Amino acid sequence: MKDYIEERVLALAEYIVTTNSTVRAAAKRFKVSKSTVHKDVTERLQEISPSLAAQVKSVLDVNKAERHIRGGLATREKYNHIKEDE
């Protein structure tokens, strides 16, 4: 694995663990695609640091369990703004 990829993988993992970030937020922060973030933290990180990979997995599992709630809140906010504009 190339050095810059390994550095990115570790930086992504540290960011996700310290901020409890979602894959989408991490992708935006590091200016890479969500697919890249996902591949980095699920496949590549396991080879580099299994303990850090376990921490990232626990954060991503929590985010996955809560995503339906965030989606509902976002939809409610969207329609509240539409009502206010009318």
Foldseek 3Di string as FASTA:
>chain_A
DDPVLVVLLVVLLVVCLVVLDELVVSCVVVVHDSVSNVCSLAPVVCVVPVVSSVSNVVSHVVCVVCVVVVVVVVVVVVVVVVVVVD
